[in-house]
């Protein structure tokens, strides 16, 4: 049962708060329109607690209020707000204003922490925490730094319509269940030293395959791609070219996954894009792996060199492919070699020999291009 906001007179002491609210309801307490000028230390045992339209003139320690689900809605916090110990139940801050620090350091959230329609005028410290369920920030404006350094997000982390005037610190943070940054504005930039974003699944439509208890729908293919683009851009802007390459590759792989989904019609343009992405991934992992490009160039060139010889009258596949003929392989690896580069060993370099020689030039040329591109990745 809930009370309507404002149905009780404003309370001024902890004793009055308990007598007015705690004893009257069995399952849920709603404290409405209260000016709270004292520390709320006790537990409302066995009950869920909601604070609606409340004004807190002193600092608030959320853990000491309740071990049950707790909601702060339309509240104003003049001083610091602390979440000082592990939370076993859901904690939600909705449509509220924090005029000072929001502090939660090294806390394990076994259920969701929800921050929705919030204004932070002071710094936010959520560093070195463990988020064991979905983490959601939605419609939040922060005028100061937000610190997630060292925090581990074991499930999905969604940042929706977040505007931050100061920097957001993700240094050494780990995102194990997926990350969504596609609708954020980082005016103060992102700090991303040693951040880890594990591979995660995405879908063409929200909610598909969603686990029970998740507060966030599954991330879309486009959201996954945009998140990787943002991480790449922020790393490049900070001069971290090496780590940005990793997310550049992931961005392209995510787009290839998006192209392969049912969202896109199966047309000529789609087929072409999918082929291009397949080739880039196969040859050099989108320009990030020179050993892969070198192997592709050598093995692809060898294969077409062998095939081109095998269709001639002078050679057979397992016969006269001798050491002298193999010596011309290095000439073959030069894409602009002459048609008669083998001289008298191939008397008529036409027909199927010419066709296979042409495709061999293409394969070797593609491989050389990707090899150079991979070597220049650190530019």
Protein backbone atom coordinates (compact mmCIF):
# COMPACT_ATOMS: atom_id res chain seq x y z
CA UNK A 1 0.00 0.00 0.00
CA UNK A 2 1.17 3.55 -0.73
CA UNK A 3 0.22 6.87 0.68
CA UNK A 4 -0.45 9.80 -1.60
CA UNK A 5 2.24 12.41 -1.75
CA UNK A 6 1.59 15.06 0.85
CA UNK A 7 -1.00 13.07 2.80
CA UNK A 8 0.99 13.40 5.99
CA UNK A 9 2.31 16.60 7.56
CA UNK A 10 6.01 17.31 7.21
CA UNK A 11 8.10 15.45 9.80
CA UNK A 12 11.11 16.82 11.61
CA UNK A 13 12.42 14.01 13.78
CA UNK A 14 13.32 10.38 13.21
CA UNK A 15 10.81 9.32 15.90
CA UNK A 16 7.99 11.08 14.07
CA UNK A 17 9.04 9.49 10.79
CA UNK A 18 8.87 6.00 12.25
CA UNK A 19 5.57 6.57 14.06
CA UNK A 20 3.89 8.13 11.03
CA UNK A 21 5.03 5.68 8.39
CA UNK A 22 6.78 2.56 9.55
CA UNK A 23 4.01 0.97 11.63
CA UNK A 24 1.08 1.66 9.38
CA UNK A 25 1.88 -0.49 6.32
CA UNK A 26 2.98 -4.09 5.99
CA UNK A 27 4.60 -4.24 2.57
CA UNK A 28 5.54 -0.78 1.39
CA UNK A 29 6.14 2.65 2.81
CA UNK A 30 5.82 5.85 0.83
CA UNK A 31 7.09 9.00 2.51
CA UNK A 32 5.68 12.00 0.72
CA UNK A 33 6.49 15.70 0.86
CA UNK A 34 8.78 15.52 3.87
CA UNK A 35 11.46 18.00 4.83
CA UNK A 36 14.06 15.69 6.34
CA UNK A 37 16.62 17.50 8.51
CA UNK A 38 18.03 14.49 10.35
CA UNK A 39 19.89 11.27 9.64
CA UNK A 40 17.74 8.27 8.84
CA UNK A 41 19.73 5.48 10.44
CA UNK A 42 17.39 2.59 11.12
CA UNK A 43 15.96 -0.13 8.89
CA UNK A 44 12.36 -0.40 7.75
CA UNK A 45 12.49 -4.13 8.20
CA UNK A 46 10.70 -6.25 5.61
CA UNK A 47 9.35 -3.26 3.67
CA UNK A 48 10.07 -1.46 0.45
CA UNK A 49 10.59 2.25 0.89
CA UNK A 50 9.77 5.12 -1.47
CA UNK A 51 10.62 8.77 -0.87
CA UNK A 52 8.46 11.06 -3.01
CA UNK A 53 8.89 14.84 -3.24
CA UNK A 54 11.28 14.90 -0.28
CA UNK A 55 13.88 17.51 0.57
CA UNK A 56 17.08 16.30 2.27
CA UNK A 57 18.98 19.13 3.91
CA UNK A 58 21.82 16.93 5.23
CA UNK A 59 23.85 14.07 3.81
CA UNK A 60 22.09 10.76 3.15
CA UNK A 61 23.54 7.28 3.57
CA UNK A 62 21.32 5.02 1.48
CA UNK A 63 22.56 1.74 2.91
CA UNK A 64 21.55 2.73 6.44
CA UNK A 65 18.02 3.48 5.35
CA UNK A 66 16.90 0.06 4.20
CA UNK A 67 17.98 -3.34 2.98
CA UNK A 68 14.87 -3.51 0.81
CA UNK A 69 14.11 -1.97 -2.56
CA UNK A 70 14.30 1.78 -2.21
CA UNK A 71 13.13 4.55 -4.54
CA UNK A 72 13.86 8.27 -4.40
CA UNK A 73 11.56 10.16 -6.75
CA UNK A 74 11.28 13.94 -7.20
CA UNK A 75 13.73 14.47 -4.35
CA UNK A 76 16.31 17.18 -3.75
CA UNK A 77 19.59 16.42 -1.98
CA UNK A 78 21.39 19.50 -0.64
CA UNK A 79 24.39 17.59 0.72
CA UNK A 80 26.33 14.45 -0.18
CA UNK A 81 24.60 11.17 -0.93
CA UNK A 82 26.46 8.00 0.04
CA UNK A 83 25.92 4.38 -0.87
CA UNK A 84 28.46 3.05 1.56
CA UNK A 85 27.88 -0.69 1.64
CA UNK A 86 26.82 -3.54 -0.60
CA UNK A 87 23.25 -3.47 -1.90
CA UNK A 88 21.18 -6.65 -2.13
CA UNK A 89 18.05 -4.91 -3.40
CA UNK A 90 17.21 -2.49 -6.17
CA UNK A 91 18.07 1.17 -5.67
CA UNK A 92 16.45 3.81 -7.88
CA UNK A 93 16.86 7.57 -8.15
CA UNK A 94 14.23 9.11 -10.41
CA UNK A 95 13.57 12.75 -11.34
CA UNK A 96 15.83 14.05 -8.58
CA UNK A 97 18.48 16.74 -8.11
CA UNK A 98 21.84 16.21 -6.43
CA UNK A 99 23.45 19.49 -5.43
CA UNK A 100 26.58 17.90 -4.05
CA UNK A 101 28.58 14.66 -4.35
CA UNK A 102 27.00 11.33 -5.22
CA UNK A 103 29.41 8.82 -3.74
CA UNK A 104 29.53 5.04 -4.04
CA UNK A 105 33.02 3.55 -3.79
CA UNK A 106 33.79 -0.20 -3.91
CA UNK A 107 30.14 -1.20 -3.55
CA UNK A 108 28.70 -4.46 -4.87
CA UNK A 109 25.27 -3.96 -6.43
CA UNK A 110 23.66 -7.39 -6.57
CA UNK A 111 20.57 -5.87 -8.14
CA UNK A 112 20.11 -2.95 -10.49
CA UNK A 113 21.11 0.65 -9.81
CA UNK A 114 18.81 2.95 -11.79
CA UNK A 115 19.52 6.65 -12.41
CA UNK A 116 16.74 8.23 -14.48
CA UNK A 117 15.90 11.90 -15.13
CA UNK A 118 18.66 13.12 -12.82
CA UNK A 119 20.61 16.35 -12.48
CA UNK A 120 24.06 16.10 -10.88
CA UNK A 121 25.52 19.46 -9.88
CA UNK A 122 28.48 17.86 -8.13
CA UNK A 123 30.88 15.02 -8.90
CA UNK A 124 29.66 11.43 -9.21
CA UNK A 125 31.90 8.66 -7.89
CA UNK A 126 30.91 5.11 -8.84
CA UNK A 127 34.46 3.82 -9.08
CA UNK A 128 35.64 0.30 -8.28
CA UNK A 129 32.10 -1.02 -7.93
CA UNK A 130 30.65 -4.32 -9.08
CA UNK A 131 27.39 -4.08 -11.03
CA UNK A 132 26.06 -7.63 -11.01
CA UNK A 133 22.81 -6.73 -12.79
CA UNK A 134 21.95 -4.31 -15.56
CA UNK A 135 23.12 -0.74 -15.02
CA UNK A 136 21.05 2.10 -16.48
CA UNK A 137 21.58 5.85 -16.76
CA UNK A 138 18.78 7.61 -18.62
CA UNK A 139 18.10 11.31 -19.24
CA UNK A 140 20.89 12.49 -16.96
CA UNK A 141 22.63 15.86 -16.96
CA UNK A 142 25.91 16.12 -15.10
CA UNK A 143 27.79 19.38 -14.61
CA UNK A 144 30.83 17.69 -13.13
CA UNK A 145 33.01 14.61 -13.49
CA UNK A 146 31.51 11.09 -13.47
CA UNK A 147 33.97 8.45 -12.30
CA UNK A 148 33.59 4.75 -13.20
CA UNK A 149 37.30 3.92 -12.88
CA UNK A 150 37.89 0.24 -12.11
CA UNK A 151 34.18 -0.60 -12.06
CA UNK A 152 33.11 -4.00 -13.39
CA UNK A 153 29.79 -4.23 -15.19
CA UNK A 154 28.92 -7.92 -15.19
CA UNK A 155 25.71 -7.42 -17.18
CA UNK A 156 24.60 -4.82 -19.71
CA UNK A 157 25.41 -1.15 -19.17
CA UNK A 158 23.21 1.40 -20.92
CA UNK A 159 23.87 5.15 -21.06
CA UNK A 160 20.84 6.83 -22.61
CA UNK A 161 20.58 10.58 -23.23
CA UNK A 162 23.48 11.32 -20.91
CA UNK A 163 24.92 14.84 -21.16
CA UNK A 164 28.09 15.38 -19.18
CA UNK A 165 29.87 18.74 -19.00
CA UNK A 166 32.89 17.21 -17.28
CA UNK A 167 34.94 14.15 -18.21
CA UNK A 168 33.62 10.63 -17.80
CA UNK A 169 36.29 8.30 -16.44
CA UNK A 170 36.22 4.69 -17.66
CA UNK A 171 39.88 3.97 -16.87
CA UNK A 172 40.42 0.22 -16.16
CA UNK A 173 36.64 -0.36 -16.25
CA UNK A 174 35.36 -3.70 -17.57
CA UNK A 175 32.13 -4.21 -19.48
CA UNK A 176 31.38 -7.91 -19.57
CA UNK A 177 27.77 -7.94 -20.74
CA UNK A 178 27.69 -5.18 -23.34
CA UNK A 179 27.87 -1.39 -23.54
CA UNK A 180 25.56 1.17 -25.15
CA UNK A 181 26.83 4.73 -25.60
CA UNK A 182 24.94 5.62 -28.76
CA UNK A 183 22.78 8.44 -27.34
CA UNK A 184 25.29 10.27 -25.17
CA UNK A 185 27.02 13.66 -25.34
CA UNK A 186 30.48 13.68 -23.75
CA UNK A 187 31.31 17.38 -23.75
CA UNK A 188 34.17 16.80 -21.34
CA UNK A 189 35.43 13.72 -23.19
CA UNK A 190 35.98 10.11 -22.19
CA UNK A 191 39.02 8.80 -20.33
CA UNK A 192 39.53 5.23 -21.55
CA UNK A 193 42.90 3.98 -20.30
CA UNK A 194 42.92 0.17 -20.27
CA UNK A 195 39.14 -0.07 -20.62
CA UNK A 196 37.88 -3.55 -21.54
CA UNK A 197 34.71 -4.16 -23.53
CA UNK A 198 34.00 -7.85 -23.95
CA UNK A 199 32.35 -9.17 -27.08
CA UNK A 200 28.58 -9.07 -26.74
CA UNK A 201 25.56 -10.08 -28.77
CA UNK A 202 23.26 -7.67 -30.54
CA UNK A 203 19.98 -8.15 -32.36
CA UNK A 204 17.93 -6.54 -35.09
CA UNK A 205 15.10 -5.75 -32.67
CA UNK A 206 14.99 -4.88 -28.97
CA UNK A 207 13.92 -7.53 -26.47
CA UNK A 208 14.86 -10.57 -28.53
CA UNK A 209 16.43 -13.18 -26.27
CA UNK A 210 16.17 -10.94 -23.21
CA UNK A 211 16.98 -12.65 -19.93
CA UNK A 212 14.49 -12.64 -17.07
CA UNK A 213 15.18 -9.84 -14.61
CA UNK A 214 16.97 -7.62 -17.12
CA UNK A 215 15.84 -3.99 -17.05
CA UNK A 216 17.51 -3.26 -20.38
CA UNK A 217 16.40 -4.67 -23.69
CA UNK A 218 19.00 -6.29 -25.90
CA UNK A 219 21.21 -3.89 -27.78
CA UNK A 220 20.56 -3.36 -31.46
CA UNK A 221 23.15 -3.95 -34.19
CA UNK A 222 23.23 -0.22 -34.92
CA UNK A 223 23.73 0.62 -31.21
CA UNK A 224 26.64 -1.78 -30.98
CA UNK A 225 28.29 -0.29 -34.06
CA UNK A 226 27.81 3.28 -32.84
CA UNK A 227 29.23 2.42 -29.41
CA UNK A 228 32.42 1.09 -31.01
CA UNK A 229 32.60 4.20 -33.21
CA UNK A 230 32.41 6.47 -30.16
CA UNK A 231 35.14 4.53 -28.36
CA UNK A 232 37.34 4.67 -31.47
CA UNK A 233 36.77 8.41 -31.88
CA UNK A 234 37.46 9.25 -28.22
CA UNK A 235 40.68 7.21 -28.24
CA UNK A 236 41.83 8.88 -31.46
CA UNK A 237 41.01 12.29 -30.01
CA UNK A 238 43.16 11.47 -27.01
CA UNK A 239 46.04 10.40 -29.24
CA UNK A 240 45.73 6.70 -28.40
CA UNK A 241 45.99 5.38 -31.96
CA UNK A 242 47.00 1.87 -30.90
CA UNK A 243 43.88 1.12 -28.85
CA UNK A 244 41.64 2.98 -31.31
CA UNK A 245 42.54 0.43 -34.00
CA UNK A 246 40.97 -2.33 -31.94
CA UNK A 247 37.63 -0.55 -31.83
CA UNK A 248 37.90 0.49 -35.47
CA UNK A 249 38.09 -3.20 -36.34
CA UNK A 250 35.19 -4.00 -34.02
CA UNK A 251 33.13 -1.21 -35.56
CA UNK A 252 33.57 -2.71 -39.01
CA UNK A 253 32.83 -6.21 -37.75
CA UNK A 254 29.65 -4.91 -36.11
CA UNK A 255 28.60 -3.30 -39.39
CA UNK A 256 29.23 -6.58 -41.20
CA UNK A 257 26.98 -8.25 -38.63
CA UNK A 258 24.38 -5.56 -39.24
CA UNK A 259 24.56 -6.12 -42.99
CA UNK A 260 24.02 -9.83 -42.45
CA UNK A 261 20.89 -9.36 -40.37
CA UNK A 262 17.37 -9.52 -41.71
CA UNK A 263 17.08 -5.77 -41.21
CA UNK A 264 18.73 -5.21 -44.58
CA UNK A 265 17.12 -6.34 -47.79
CA UNK A 266 19.05 -8.86 -49.80
CA UNK A 267 19.93 -6.68 -52.82
CA UNK A 268 22.93 -6.11 -55.05
CA UNK A 269 24.29 -3.27 -52.91
CA UNK A 270 23.97 -5.34 -49.78
CA UNK A 271 25.73 -8.30 -51.39
CA UNK A 272 28.56 -6.05 -52.53
CA UNK A 273 29.07 -4.53 -49.08
CA UNK A 274 28.99 -7.94 -47.43
CA UNK A 275 31.59 -9.24 -49.87
CA UNK A 276 33.87 -6.26 -49.25
CA UNK A 277 33.65 -6.69 -45.49
CA UNK A 278 34.27 -10.43 -45.83
CA UNK A 279 37.40 -9.83 -47.90
CA UNK A 280 38.73 -7.17 -45.51
CA UNK A 281 38.16 -9.39 -42.49
CA UNK A 282 39.67 -12.45 -44.17
CA UNK A 283 42.76 -10.80 -45.63
CA UNK A 284 43.97 -8.61 -42.77
CA UNK A 285 41.26 -8.28 -40.10
CA UNK A 286 40.37 -4.86 -41.51
CA UNK A 287 43.96 -3.71 -41.85
CA UNK A 288 45.12 -4.68 -38.36
CA UNK A 289 47.05 -7.94 -38.99
CA UNK A 290 50.12 -7.88 -41.27
CA UNK A 291 50.97 -11.59 -40.73
CA UNK A 292 47.50 -12.48 -41.97
CA UNK A 293 47.95 -10.24 -45.03
CA UNK A 294 51.40 -11.71 -45.75
CA UNK A 295 50.06 -15.26 -45.50
CA UNK A 296 47.15 -14.40 -47.79
CA UNK A 297 49.51 -12.88 -50.38
CA UNK A 298 51.93 -15.82 -50.36
CA UNK A 299 49.41 -18.66 -50.25
CA UNK A 300 46.93 -17.01 -52.64
CA UNK A 301 49.72 -16.23 -55.11
CA UNK A 302 51.12 -19.76 -54.86
CA UNK A 303 47.70 -21.27 -55.47
CA UNK A 304 47.01 -19.27 -58.64
CA UNK A 305 50.60 -19.70 -59.87
CA UNK A 306 50.22 -23.46 -59.56
CA UNK A 307 46.80 -23.46 -61.22
CA UNK A 308 48.01 -21.34 -64.12
CA UNK A 309 50.80 -23.80 -64.79
CA UNK A 310 48.59 -26.83 -64.34
CA UNK A 311 46.40 -25.91 -67.34
CA UNK A 312 49.33 -25.64 -69.76
CA UNK A 313 50.64 -28.39 -72.00
CA UNK A 314 54.11 -28.09 -70.52
CA UNK A 315 53.10 -28.89 -66.93
CA UNK A 316 50.76 -31.18 -65.02
CA UNK A 317 49.57 -30.73 -61.45
CA UNK A 318 51.80 -33.36 -59.89
CA UNK A 319 54.30 -33.82 -62.71
CA UNK A 320 56.79 -31.37 -64.12
CA UNK A 321 56.30 -28.64 -61.51
CA UNK A 322 60.06 -28.52 -60.95
CA UNK A 323 62.46 -26.23 -59.14
CA UNK A 324 63.16 -24.22 -62.28
CA UNK A 325 59.47 -23.44 -62.75
CA UNK A 326 59.07 -22.55 -59.07
CA UNK A 327 61.84 -19.97 -59.47
CA UNK A 328 59.41 -17.88 -61.52
CA UNK A 329 57.00 -17.69 -58.56
CA UNK A 330 58.77 -14.61 -57.24
CA UNK A 331 58.22 -12.92 -60.58
CA UNK A 332 54.55 -13.91 -60.36
CA UNK A 333 54.26 -12.12 -56.99
CA UNK A 334 54.95 -8.84 -58.81
CA UNK A 335 51.41 -7.95 -59.96
CA UNK A 336 52.69 -6.06 -63.05
CA UNK A 337 54.72 -8.94 -64.44
CA UNK A 338 54.65 -9.57 -68.19
CA UNK A 339 52.32 -12.15 -69.69
CA UNK A 340 55.31 -14.17 -70.96
CA UNK A 341 57.29 -13.79 -67.73
CA UNK A 342 58.17 -17.51 -67.85
CA UNK A 343 59.84 -17.22 -71.20
CA UNK A 344 60.16 -20.42 -73.18
CA UNK A 345 58.84 -22.59 -70.34
CA UNK A 346 55.30 -21.61 -71.36
CA UNK A 347 55.17 -21.32 -75.13
CA UNK A 348 51.55 -20.11 -75.39
CA UNK A 349 50.61 -17.89 -72.41
CA UNK A 350 47.00 -17.57 -73.50
CA UNK A 351 43.61 -19.14 -72.76
CA UNK A 352 43.11 -20.49 -69.24
CA UNK A 353 46.69 -19.68 -68.35
CA UNK A 354 46.00 -15.99 -69.01
CA UNK A 355 42.69 -16.08 -67.12
CA UNK A 356 44.22 -17.68 -64.02
CA UNK A 357 47.24 -15.39 -64.29
CA UNK A 358 44.92 -12.37 -64.28
CA UNK A 359 43.02 -13.49 -61.16
CA UNK A 360 46.34 -14.31 -59.53
CA UNK A 361 47.46 -10.72 -60.13
CA UNK A 362 44.25 -9.49 -58.49
CA UNK A 363 44.71 -11.72 -55.43
CA UNK A 364 48.35 -10.75 -55.00
CA UNK A 365 47.54 -7.06 -55.52
CA UNK A 366 44.85 -7.16 -52.85
CA UNK A 367 47.22 -8.95 -50.49
CA UNK A 368 50.05 -6.44 -51.06
CA UNK A 369 47.65 -3.52 -50.50
CA UNK A 370 46.46 -4.98 -47.19
CA UNK A 371 50.04 -5.78 -46.18
CA UNK A 372 51.05 -2.13 -46.66
CA UNK A 373 47.89 -0.95 -44.93
CA UNK A 374 48.55 -3.21 -41.92
CA UNK A 375 52.16 -2.00 -41.66
CA UNK A 376 50.93 1.60 -41.63
CA UNK A 377 48.24 1.04 -39.01
CA UNK A 378 50.16 3.01 -36.37
CA UNK A 379 50.82 5.85 -38.87
